[in-house]
Amino acid sequence: MLSGRQGEALDLVDAAIDRCTASGELFTMPELLRVKADVLRTLPGRDVGEVETLLQDALVWSRRQAAKGWELRAAIDLARLWMDQRQPARALALLRPLRDGFQEGLDTADLRAADQLLLMLADLPGTADGGGALSAWPWS
């Protein structure tokens, strides 16, 4: 994705965060934090704790602003991080209620990504669903 330009990407997203903070125009803060976390995830020797904190902050900002789309994006990224850390039950507990809250726009890329991730998570050991229980969902 970034082809070795992570440093430049971090500088740009940090500058955007600084501009938003300075101007008080904070509407895009959830997405900026999510993007920064995404860039940090690509770095070798990355601090997974920092990535998780950024995604948690993105969730807080999106919830404060009632920005459901950005909340879903941050939740998808955080659920993927937790899946990579072998915490599928935690990821399911975060993502499933958010996904269930969407009744329109069911064919958007973000909702399709959430559906796919939920199906993957349900099949992993350590989930309360016993593997595969989500395959009966009406949107699959």
C-alpha atoms as a PDB file:
ATOM      1  CA  MET A   1       0.000   0.000   0.000  1.00  0.00           C
ATOM      2  CA  LEU A   2       2.541   2.606   1.107  1.00  0.00           C
ATOM      3  CA  SER A   3       5.563   1.167  -0.727  1.00  0.00           C
ATOM      4  CA  GLY A   4       8.086   2.285   1.880  1.00  0.00           C
ATOM      5  CA  ARG A   5       6.601   5.759   2.310  1.00  0.00           C
ATOM      6  CA  GLN A   6       5.241   5.230   5.813  1.00  0.00           C
ATOM      7  CA  GLY A   7       7.304   8.096   7.240  1.00  0.00           C
ATOM      8  CA  GLU A   8       5.849  10.512   4.740  1.00  0.00           C
ATOM      9  CA  ALA A   9       2.360   9.175   5.389  1.00  0.00           C
ATOM     10  CA  LEU A  10       2.793   9.604   9.149  1.00  0.00           C
ATOM     11  CA  ASP A  11       4.012  13.167   8.676  1.00  0.00           C
ATOM     12  CA  LEU A  12       0.971  13.978   6.536  1.00  0.00           C
ATOM     13  CA  VAL A  13      -1.580  12.453   8.878  1.00  0.00           C
ATOM     14  CA  ASP A  14       0.063  14.079  11.908  1.00  0.00           C
ATOM     15  CA  ALA A  15      -0.042  17.447  10.137  1.00  0.00           C
ATOM     16  CA  ALA A  16      -3.730  16.935   9.337  1.00  0.00           C
ATOM     17  CA  ILE A  17      -4.456  16.037  12.967  1.00  0.00           C
ATOM     18  CA  ASP A  18      -2.582  19.150  14.123  1.00  0.00           C
ATOM     19  CA  ARG A  19      -4.505  21.378  11.689  1.00  0.00           C
ATOM     20  CA  CYS A  20      -7.849  19.940  12.778  1.00  0.00           C
ATOM     21  CA  THR A  21      -6.976  20.382  16.437  1.00  0.00           C
ATOM     22  CA  ALA A  22      -5.728  23.952  15.936  1.00  0.00           C
ATOM     23  CA  SER A  23      -8.781  25.003  13.937  1.00  0.00           C
ATOM     24  CA  GLY A  24     -11.307  23.196  16.121  1.00  0.00           C
ATOM     25  CA  GLU A  25     -12.684  21.446  13.030  1.00  0.00           C
ATOM     26  CA  LEU A  26     -12.653  17.964  14.547  1.00  0.00           C
ATOM     27  CA  PHE A  27     -15.223  16.204  12.371  1.00  0.00           C
ATOM     28  CA  THR A  28     -12.571  14.136  10.570  1.00  0.00           C
ATOM     29  CA  MET A  29     -10.647  13.190  13.723  1.00  0.00           C
ATOM     30  CA  PRO A  30     -12.015   9.613  13.926  1.00  0.00           C
ATOM     31  CA  GLU A  31     -10.884   8.827  10.389  1.00  0.00           C
ATOM     32  CA  LEU A  32      -7.518  10.546  10.809  1.00  0.00           C
ATOM     33  CA  LEU A  33      -6.779   8.489  13.924  1.00  0.00           C
ATOM     34  CA  ARG A  34      -7.813   5.306  12.127  1.00  0.00           C
ATOM     35  CA  VAL A  35      -5.601   6.128   9.156  1.00  0.00           C
ATOM     36  CA  LYS A  36      -2.650   6.850  11.454  1.00  0.00           C
ATOM     37  CA  ALA A  37      -3.176   3.478  13.134  1.00  0.00           C
ATOM     38  CA  ASP A  38      -3.291   1.824   9.710  1.00  0.00           C
ATOM     39  CA  VAL A  39       0.018   3.402   8.739  1.00  0.00           C
ATOM     40  CA  LEU A  40       1.634   2.429  12.044  1.00  0.00           C
ATOM     41  CA  ARG A  41       0.479  -1.186  11.563  1.00  0.00           C
ATOM     42  CA  THR A  42       2.622  -1.407   8.429  1.00  0.00           C
ATOM     43  CA  LEU A  43       5.841  -0.428  10.201  1.00  0.00           C
ATOM     44  CA  PRO A  44       8.316  -3.128  11.171  1.00  0.00           C
ATOM     45  CA  GLY A  45       8.695  -3.328  14.933  1.00  0.00           C
ATOM     46  CA  ARG A  46       5.508  -1.353  15.392  1.00  0.00           C
ATOM     47  CA  ASP A  47       4.036  -0.664  18.803  1.00  0.00           C
ATOM     48  CA  VAL A  48       0.813  -2.677  18.762  1.00  0.00           C
ATOM     49  CA  GLY A  49      -0.304  -0.880  21.915  1.00  0.00           C
ATOM     50  CA  GLU A  50      -0.105   2.476  20.147  1.00  0.00           C
ATOM     51  CA  VAL A  51      -2.082   1.114  17.196  1.00  0.00           C
ATOM     52  CA  GLU A  52      -4.757  -0.219  19.551  1.00  0.00           C
ATOM     53  CA  THR A  53      -4.908   3.081  21.467  1.00  0.00           C
ATOM     54  CA  LEU A  54      -5.361   5.053  18.248  1.00  0.00           C
ATOM     55  CA  LEU A  55      -8.181   2.763  17.132  1.00  0.00           C
ATOM     56  CA  GLN A  56      -9.849   2.982  20.547  1.00  0.00           C
ATOM     57  CA  ASP A  57      -9.569   6.791  20.344  1.00  0.00           C
ATOM     58  CA  ALA A  58     -11.086   6.707  16.848  1.00  0.00           C
ATOM     59  CA  LEU A  59     -14.025   4.748  18.271  1.00  0.00           C
ATOM     60  CA  VAL A  60     -14.497   7.279  21.070  1.00  0.00           C
ATOM     61  CA  TRP A  61     -14.413  10.215  18.635  1.00  0.00           C
ATOM     62  CA  SER A  62     -16.809   8.565  16.189  1.00  0.00           C
ATOM     63  CA  ARG A  63     -19.259   7.688  18.970  1.00  0.00           C
ATOM     64  CA  ARG A  64     -19.094  11.223  20.351  1.00  0.00           C
ATOM     65  CA  GLN A  65     -19.945  12.524  16.881  1.00  0.00           C
ATOM     66  CA  ALA A  66     -22.486   9.782  16.109  1.00  0.00           C
ATOM     67  CA  ALA A  67     -20.457   9.027  12.976  1.00  0.00           C
ATOM     68  CA  LYS A  68     -21.601   5.433  12.464  1.00  0.00           C
ATOM     69  CA  GLY A  69     -19.637   4.867   9.268  1.00  0.00           C
ATOM     70  CA  TRP A  70     -16.358   5.911  10.833  1.00  0.00           C
ATOM     71  CA  GLU A  71     -17.187   3.936  13.952  1.00  0.00           C
ATOM     72  CA  LEU A  72     -17.635   0.833  11.811  1.00  0.00           C
ATOM     73  CA  ARG A  73     -14.335   1.404  10.000  1.00  0.00           C
ATOM     74  CA  ALA A  74     -12.435   1.832  13.273  1.00  0.00           C
ATOM     75  CA  ALA A  75     -14.151  -1.249  14.714  1.00  0.00           C
ATOM     76  CA  ILE A  76     -13.230  -3.339  11.675  1.00  0.00           C
ATOM     77  CA  ASP A  77      -9.577  -2.352  12.018  1.00  0.00           C
ATOM     78  CA  LEU A  78      -9.570  -2.970  15.773  1.00  0.00           C
ATOM     79  CA  ALA A  79     -11.308  -6.329  15.322  1.00  0.00           C
ATOM     80  CA  ARG A  80      -8.645  -7.320  12.752  1.00  0.00           C
ATOM     81  CA  LEU A  81      -5.927  -6.316  15.205  1.00  0.00           C
ATOM     82  CA  TRP A  82      -7.526  -8.396  17.949  1.00  0.00           C
ATOM     83  CA  MET A  83      -7.969 -11.307  15.551  1.00  0.00           C
ATOM     84  CA  ASP A  84      -4.236 -11.116  14.784  1.00  0.00           C
ATOM     85  CA  GLN A  85      -3.616 -11.161  18.540  1.00  0.00           C
ATOM     86  CA  ARG A  86      -5.745 -14.310  18.862  1.00  0.00           C
ATOM     87  CA  GLN A  87      -8.623 -12.543  20.614  1.00  0.00           C
ATOM     88  CA  PRO A  88     -11.522 -13.456  18.311  1.00  0.00           C
ATOM     89  CA  ALA A  89     -14.194 -13.348  21.024  1.00  0.00           C
ATOM     90  CA  ARG A  90     -13.218  -9.790  21.897  1.00  0.00           C
ATOM     91  CA  ALA A  91     -13.298  -8.833  18.224  1.00  0.00           C
ATOM     92  CA  LEU A  92     -16.743 -10.399  17.761  1.00  0.00           C
ATOM     93  CA  ALA A  93     -18.097  -8.628  20.837  1.00  0.00           C
ATOM     94  CA  LEU A  94     -17.010  -5.281  19.399  1.00  0.00           C
ATOM     95  CA  LEU A  95     -17.973  -5.731  15.774  1.00  0.00           C
ATOM     96  CA  ARG A  96     -21.209  -7.714  15.833  1.00  0.00           C
ATOM     97  CA  PRO A  97     -23.430  -5.134  17.616  1.00  0.00           C
ATOM     98  CA  LEU A  98     -22.137  -2.359  15.363  1.00  0.00           C
ATOM     99  CA  ARG A  99     -22.810  -4.382  12.234  1.00  0.00           C
ATOM    100  CA  ASP A 100     -26.268  -5.340  13.479  1.00  0.00           C
ATOM    101  CA  GLY A 101     -27.116  -1.652  13.837  1.00  0.00           C
ATOM    102  CA  PHE A 102     -26.999  -1.060  10.081  1.00  0.00           C
ATOM    103  CA  GLN A 103     -30.275  -1.591   8.262  1.00  0.00           C
ATOM    104  CA  GLU A 104     -29.521   0.337   5.060  1.00  0.00           C
ATOM    105  CA  GLY A 105     -26.635   0.462   2.624  1.00  0.00           C
ATOM    106  CA  LEU A 106     -26.013  -3.220   3.122  1.00  0.00           C
ATOM    107  CA  ASP A 107     -23.975  -3.506  -0.065  1.00  0.00           C
ATOM    108  CA  THR A 108     -21.355  -0.904   0.875  1.00  0.00           C
ATOM    109  CA  ALA A 109     -17.708  -1.911   0.966  1.00  0.00           C
ATOM    110  CA  ASP A 110     -17.435  -1.303   4.710  1.00  0.00           C
ATOM    111  CA  LEU A 111     -20.436  -3.482   5.557  1.00  0.00           C
ATOM    112  CA  ARG A 112     -19.244  -6.225   3.222  1.00  0.00           C
ATOM    113  CA  ALA A 113     -15.842  -6.081   4.945  1.00  0.00           C
ATOM    114  CA  ALA A 114     -17.528  -6.295   8.359  1.00  0.00           C
ATOM    115  CA  ASP A 115     -19.613  -9.273   7.235  1.00  0.00           C
ATOM    116  CA  GLN A 116     -16.576 -11.079   5.881  1.00  0.00           C
ATOM    117  CA  LEU A 117     -14.585 -10.437   9.045  1.00  0.00           C
ATOM    118  CA  LEU A 118     -17.459 -11.594  11.257  1.00  0.00           C
ATOM    119  CA  LEU A 119     -17.692 -14.849   9.329  1.00  0.00           C
ATOM    120  CA  MET A 120     -13.949 -15.399   9.689  1.00  0.00           C
ATOM    121  CA  LEU A 121     -14.050 -14.615  13.393  1.00  0.00           C
ATOM    122  CA  ALA A 122     -16.964 -16.959  14.027  1.00  0.00           C
ATOM    123  CA  ASP A 123     -14.977 -19.856  12.598  1.00  0.00           C
ATOM    124  CA  LEU A 124     -11.966 -19.296  14.859  1.00  0.00           C
ATOM    125  CA  PRO A 125     -11.427 -21.248  18.053  1.00  0.00           C
ATOM    126  CA  GLY A 126     -12.207 -19.286  21.186  1.00  0.00           C
ATOM    127  CA  THR A 127     -15.477 -17.753  20.050  1.00  0.00           C
ATOM    128  CA  ALA A 128     -18.752 -18.415  21.829  1.00  0.00           C
ATOM    129  CA  ASP A 129     -20.424 -19.148  18.489  1.00  0.00           C
ATOM    130  CA  GLY A 130     -18.839 -22.563  18.218  1.00  0.00           C
ATOM    131  CA  GLY A 131     -17.583 -21.831  14.711  1.00  0.00           C
ATOM    132  CA  GLY A 132     -19.726 -21.086  11.710  1.00  0.00           C
ATOM    133  CA  ALA A 133     -22.816 -19.917  13.575  1.00  0.00           C
ATOM    134  CA  LEU A 134     -22.797 -16.613  11.734  1.00  0.00           C
ATOM    135  CA  SER A 135     -23.198 -18.220   8.328  1.00  0.00           C
ATOM    136  CA  ALA A 136     -26.970 -18.200   8.808  1.00  0.00           C
ATOM    137  CA  TRP A 137     -27.122 -14.398   8.893  1.00  0.00           C
ATOM    138  CA  PRO A 138     -29.561 -12.991   6.362  1.00  0.00           C
ATOM    139  CA  TRP A 139     -26.989 -10.803   4.612  1.00  0.00           C
ATOM    140  CA  SER A 140     -24.447 -13.517   3.925  1.00  0.00           C
END
